[in-house]
Protein backbone atom coordinates (compact mmCIF):
# COMPACT_ATOMS: atom_id res chain seq x y z
CA UNK A 1 -10.71 -10.71 15.89
CA UNK A 2 -13.00 -9.53 13.02
CA UNK A 3 -12.50 -5.85 13.58
CA UNK A 4 -8.56 -6.40 13.16
CA UNK A 5 -8.94 -8.13 9.84
CA UNK A 6 -11.43 -5.23 8.55
CA UNK A 7 -8.80 -2.76 9.49
CA UNK A 8 -5.95 -4.22 7.32
CA UNK A 9 -5.82 -3.44 3.90
CA UNK A 10 -6.37 -6.33 1.37
CA UNK A 11 -4.32 -5.43 -1.52
CA UNK A 12 -0.98 -3.67 -1.53
CA UNK A 13 1.18 -2.49 -4.67
CA UNK A 14 4.87 -2.48 -3.81
CA UNK A 15 7.20 -0.53 -5.95
CA UNK A 16 10.88 -1.25 -5.91
CA UNK A 17 12.91 1.70 -7.36
CA UNK A 18 16.75 1.14 -8.47
CA UNK A 19 19.09 3.48 -9.96
CA UNK A 20 23.00 4.15 -9.86
CA UNK A 21 22.61 7.87 -9.27
CA UNK A 22 21.17 9.16 -5.99
CA UNK A 23 19.72 12.29 -7.41
CA UNK A 24 17.94 10.60 -10.18
CA UNK A 25 16.30 8.14 -7.85
CA UNK A 26 14.98 10.68 -5.74
CA UNK A 27 13.62 12.84 -8.58
CA UNK A 28 12.11 9.83 -9.86
CA UNK A 29 10.33 8.56 -6.52
CA UNK A 30 9.15 12.14 -6.09
CA UNK A 31 7.66 11.93 -9.55
CA UNK A 32 5.92 8.41 -8.58
CA UNK A 33 4.62 9.62 -5.16
CA UNK A 34 3.05 12.85 -6.76
CA UNK A 35 1.44 10.81 -9.48
CA UNK A 36 -0.16 8.50 -6.79
CA UNK A 37 -1.45 11.08 -4.56
CA UNK A 38 -2.97 12.98 -7.55
CA UNK A 39 -4.91 9.97 -8.20
CA UNK A 40 -6.13 9.85 -4.33
CA UNK A 41 -4.02 6.93 -3.59
CA UNK A 42 -2.56 6.39 -0.03
CA UNK A 43 1.25 5.87 -0.05
CA UNK A 44 3.91 4.77 2.61
CA UNK A 45 7.38 5.81 1.62
CA UNK A 46 9.75 6.49 -0.19
CA UNK A 47 11.76 4.01 2.53
CA UNK A 48 15.44 4.05 1.48
CA UNK A 49 16.94 0.85 1.33
CA UNK A 50 20.52 0.05 1.92
CA UNK A 51 22.84 0.88 -0.81
CA UNK A 52 24.59 -2.01 -2.47
CA UNK A 53 28.22 -1.83 -3.18
CA UNK A 54 29.98 -3.60 -6.18
CA UNK A 55 33.61 -3.48 -6.10
CA UNK A 56 36.01 -4.68 -8.83
CA UNK A 57 39.85 -4.92 -8.74
CA UNK A 58 41.58 -4.91 -12.24
CA UNK A 59 45.14 -5.37 -13.06
CA UNK A 60 46.62 -2.40 -14.84
CA UNK A 61 49.08 -4.16 -16.94
CA UNK A 62 48.21 -7.35 -19.03
CA UNK A 63 51.29 -9.25 -18.30
CA UNK A 64 53.74 -7.81 -15.50
CA UNK A 65 53.50 -5.55 -12.70
CA UNK A 66 50.86 -7.67 -10.80
CA UNK A 67 50.79 -5.26 -7.86
CA UNK A 68 49.47 -2.34 -9.80
CA UNK A 69 45.93 -2.36 -9.58
CA UNK A 70 42.71 -0.26 -10.12
CA UNK A 71 39.75 -0.39 -7.96
CA UNK A 72 36.29 0.40 -9.11
CA UNK A 73 33.07 0.35 -7.19
CA UNK A 74 29.24 0.62 -8.67
CA UNK A 75 26.67 1.80 -6.01
CA UNK A 76 23.25 0.81 -6.24
CA UNK A 77 20.75 3.05 -4.81
CA UNK A 78 17.20 1.50 -3.66
CA UNK A 79 13.73 3.13 -2.52
CA UNK A 80 10.62 1.18 -1.71
CA UNK A 81 7.07 2.41 -2.12
CA UNK A 82 3.77 0.99 -0.77
CA UNK A 83 0.51 1.73 -2.11
CA UNK A 84 -2.49 0.73 -0.07
CA UNK A 85 -5.60 -0.69 -1.70
CA UNK A 86 -4.42 0.60 -5.38
CA UNK A 87 -7.49 1.41 -7.95
CA UNK A 88 -7.14 0.52 -11.53
CA UNK A 89 -6.49 4.29 -12.55
CA UNK A 90 -3.23 4.52 -9.97
CA UNK A 91 -1.85 1.45 -11.60
CA UNK A 92 -2.72 3.09 -15.20
CA UNK A 93 -1.10 6.36 -14.17
CA UNK A 94 2.05 4.58 -12.89
CA UNK A 95 2.44 2.64 -16.47
CA UNK A 96 2.13 6.18 -18.25
CA UNK A 97 4.87 7.77 -16.03
CA UNK A 98 7.79 9.08 -18.26
CA UNK A 99 10.89 8.11 -15.98
CA UNK A 100 14.52 8.93 -17.02
CA UNK A 101 16.95 6.35 -18.46
CA UNK A 102 18.89 4.52 -15.60
CA UNK A 103 15.88 4.22 -13.33
CA UNK A 104 14.65 0.69 -12.97
CA UNK A 105 10.86 0.03 -11.24
CA UNK A 106 9.66 -3.36 -10.28
CA UNK A 107 6.01 -3.68 -9.34
CA UNK A 108 4.67 -6.50 -7.30
CA UNK A 109 0.92 -6.94 -6.19
CA UNK A 110 0.48 -8.59 -2.75
C-alpha cells in the first residue's frame, strides 16, 4: 500500500483551454506544451474534449413570414492539459505566455 501512494503524484495542475477557432486553439496548446517542457515539466495531453455546439434560430422578419428563419451555430473547441508536480517556475512561465485573443485558459490546482 505504501508503495502505490509514493508512486502517485501529489500535485497536479489542470489547464482547460477553450476557443471558437480550431486552428487557434491547436497553436495555443502547442505553445503551452512547449513552454512547460522547456521548464522541465511532465505533461499529459493535450486531450481533445467534445466540441460544444450552440444553435440559435432567428426569425428573418420582425412581423410577418414566420416560416422564414435563419439558423446560426457557435462551436466551442476544448482541450485539456495536465501538468504533474508543477514547480513555481512552470506556473510563472504559464502566466507570462502571450496567447492570442479568443483563447480562454482556466487553471486549477488539484
